[in-house]
Amino acid sequence: MSGAEFSFNLRVYIEDTDAGGIVYYVNYLKYMERARTELMRSLGFGKDYIFNHDLMFVVRDVAVSYRLPAQLDDELQATARIVELKGATMRLQQSIQRAGQLLAEGEVTIACVDRSSVKPRRLPQDMLQRLREQQAAGSEGEA
């Protein structure tokens, strides 16, 4: 079951590119990170919530396929879709697009950890509920 797709717009700046004006490969991961952060913020789980609950998220696994290059000054859309939720982890499918054209796609698994011990911990119940709602929202139109 796939969740509703969240989309975040961004622009490519000179510091994102190599000498040829092409986005450096690692920056696609940064764009995906921003989309995950903004998805969580849109659900009410910004940095204040995260810090006040003494937790943080860390990337456990990531796989990215690069299709086409983004270039200086491009306007991009970074997407995030929740595809799996477990007690302490979340798996998302993500993409970077330019005007609907797929540039890069990936799958990221993030783990919730205790800020102090950096050991895995279950997602807070209210967060898990909102994430499940987000995940279910995308499957309403699927048959």
Protein backbone atom coordinates (compact mmCIF):
# COMPACT_ATOMS: atom_id res chain seq x y z
CA MET A 1 0.00 0.00 0.00
CA SER A 2 1.48 3.33 -1.06
CA GLY A 3 0.76 6.63 0.59
CA ALA A 4 -0.20 9.99 -0.80
CA GLU A 5 2.64 11.65 -2.63
CA PHE A 6 4.04 14.76 -0.96
CA SER A 7 5.79 17.24 -3.27
CA PHE A 8 8.23 20.03 -2.39
CA ASN A 9 9.46 22.62 -4.93
CA LEU A 10 13.07 23.78 -4.98
CA ARG A 11 15.52 25.57 -7.25
CA VAL A 12 19.02 24.47 -8.27
CA TYR A 13 21.65 26.97 -7.12
CA ILE A 14 25.27 27.25 -8.19
CA GLU A 15 26.49 25.55 -5.00
CA ASP A 16 24.46 22.47 -6.02
CA THR A 17 26.37 21.98 -9.26
CA ASP A 18 29.74 20.88 -10.54
CA ALA A 19 31.95 22.96 -12.84
CA GLY A 20 29.72 22.06 -15.81
CA GLY A 21 26.53 23.34 -14.17
CA ILE A 22 25.16 19.82 -13.57
CA VAL A 23 23.76 18.91 -10.15
CA TYR A 24 26.33 16.90 -8.19
CA TYR A 25 24.95 13.40 -7.46
CA VAL A 26 24.92 13.67 -3.65
CA ASN A 27 22.68 16.74 -3.80
CA TYR A 28 19.77 14.58 -4.98
CA LEU A 29 19.95 12.91 -1.55
CA LYS A 30 19.81 16.36 0.06
CA TYR A 31 16.74 17.23 -2.01
CA MET A 32 15.08 13.98 -0.90
CA GLU A 33 15.94 14.81 2.71
CA ARG A 34 14.23 18.18 2.35
CA ALA A 35 11.10 16.52 0.99
CA ARG A 36 10.99 14.10 3.96
CA THR A 37 11.53 16.98 6.38
CA GLU A 38 8.77 19.06 4.79
CA LEU A 39 6.43 16.05 4.71
CA MET A 40 6.91 15.59 8.45
CA ARG A 41 6.48 19.33 9.05
CA SER A 42 3.22 19.32 7.02
CA LEU A 43 1.91 16.58 9.32
CA GLY A 44 2.72 18.62 12.44
CA PHE A 45 6.06 17.02 13.28
CA GLY A 46 8.58 19.82 12.86
CA LYS A 47 11.83 20.22 14.75
CA ASP A 48 10.10 21.39 17.95
CA TYR A 49 8.07 18.19 18.14
CA ILE A 50 11.10 16.04 17.34
CA PHE A 51 13.32 17.75 19.94
CA ASN A 52 10.59 17.85 22.61
CA HIS A 53 10.10 14.10 22.24
CA ASP A 54 13.86 13.41 22.48
CA LEU A 55 13.99 11.58 19.18
CA MET A 56 15.61 11.89 15.79
CA PHE A 57 15.54 10.10 12.48
CA VAL A 58 18.49 8.45 10.80
CA VAL A 59 18.82 6.92 7.35
CA ARG A 60 19.17 3.15 7.61
CA ASP A 61 19.12 2.27 3.92
CA VAL A 62 19.10 4.24 0.69
CA ALA A 63 19.13 3.31 -2.99
CA VAL A 64 19.02 5.89 -5.78
CA SER A 65 18.82 5.57 -9.56
CA TYR A 66 19.83 8.57 -11.62
CA ARG A 67 17.99 9.03 -14.94
CA LEU A 68 18.64 12.55 -16.26
CA PRO A 69 20.73 15.48 -15.00
CA ALA A 70 19.34 18.57 -13.34
CA GLN A 71 21.09 21.83 -14.17
CA LEU A 72 21.76 25.23 -12.71
CA ASP A 73 18.56 27.27 -12.16
CA ASP A 74 16.19 24.33 -12.82
CA GLU A 75 13.00 24.31 -10.77
CA LEU A 76 12.59 20.82 -9.33
CA GLN A 77 10.00 18.87 -7.40
CA ALA A 78 11.20 16.49 -4.70
CA THR A 79 8.59 13.91 -3.74
CA ALA A 80 8.10 11.50 -0.86
CA ARG A 81 5.57 8.70 -0.54
CA ILE A 82 5.31 6.44 2.50
CA VAL A 83 5.22 2.81 1.41
CA GLU A 84 5.80 0.98 4.69
CA LEU A 85 5.53 1.75 8.39
CA LYS A 86 6.84 -0.46 11.16
CA GLY A 87 7.31 0.18 14.87
CA ALA A 88 10.52 2.19 14.56
CA THR A 89 11.04 2.51 10.79
CA MET A 90 9.50 4.12 7.76
CA ARG A 91 10.22 3.26 4.13
CA LEU A 92 9.59 5.91 1.48
CA GLN A 93 9.74 6.05 -2.28
CA GLN A 94 11.15 9.35 -3.44
CA SER A 95 11.81 11.14 -6.69
CA ILE A 96 13.31 14.29 -8.13
CA GLN A 97 11.46 15.66 -11.14
CA ARG A 98 11.62 18.63 -13.47
CA ALA A 99 8.23 19.59 -14.97
CA GLY A 100 7.02 16.00 -14.55
CA GLN A 101 10.19 14.49 -16.06
CA LEU A 102 11.86 11.93 -13.78
CA LEU A 103 15.48 12.81 -13.01
CA ALA A 104 16.20 10.53 -10.06
CA GLU A 105 14.26 8.06 -7.96
CA GLY A 106 15.04 6.21 -4.80
CA GLU A 107 13.91 4.30 -1.81
CA VAL A 108 14.89 5.39 1.68
CA THR A 109 14.35 3.63 5.00
CA ILE A 110 14.61 5.85 8.04
CA ALA A 111 14.71 4.72 11.65
CA CYS A 112 13.44 6.54 14.70
CA VAL A 113 16.09 6.64 17.44
CA ASP A 114 16.37 8.04 20.94
CA ARG A 115 18.30 11.31 20.79
CA SER A 116 20.42 10.51 23.87
CA SER A 117 21.30 6.87 23.30
CA VAL A 118 20.92 6.81 19.49
CA LYS A 119 19.20 3.44 19.92
CA PRO A 120 16.07 2.51 17.97
CA ARG A 121 12.77 3.47 19.55
CA ARG A 122 9.18 3.12 18.48
CA LEU A 123 7.53 6.00 16.68
CA PRO A 124 5.36 8.02 19.09
CA GLN A 125 1.73 6.88 18.86
CA ASP A 126 0.37 10.23 17.62
CA MET A 127 3.05 10.37 14.92
CA LEU A 128 2.43 6.79 13.87
CA GLN A 129 -1.30 7.51 13.56
CA ARG A 130 -0.75 10.59 11.34
CA LEU A 131 1.77 8.72 9.20
CA ARG A 132 -0.71 5.86 8.77
CA GLU A 133 -3.35 8.39 7.69
CA GLN A 134 -0.89 9.85 5.16
CA GLN A 135 -0.09 6.36 3.90
CA ALA A 136 -3.78 5.45 3.60
CA ALA A 137 -4.61 8.72 1.77
CA GLY A 138 -2.72 7.55 -1.31
CA SER A 139 -4.45 4.19 -1.47
CA GLU A 140 -7.99 5.63 -1.54
CA GLY A 141 -7.78 6.15 -5.30
CA GLU A 142 -6.13 2.78 -5.98
CA ALA A 143 -8.18 -0.24 -6.90
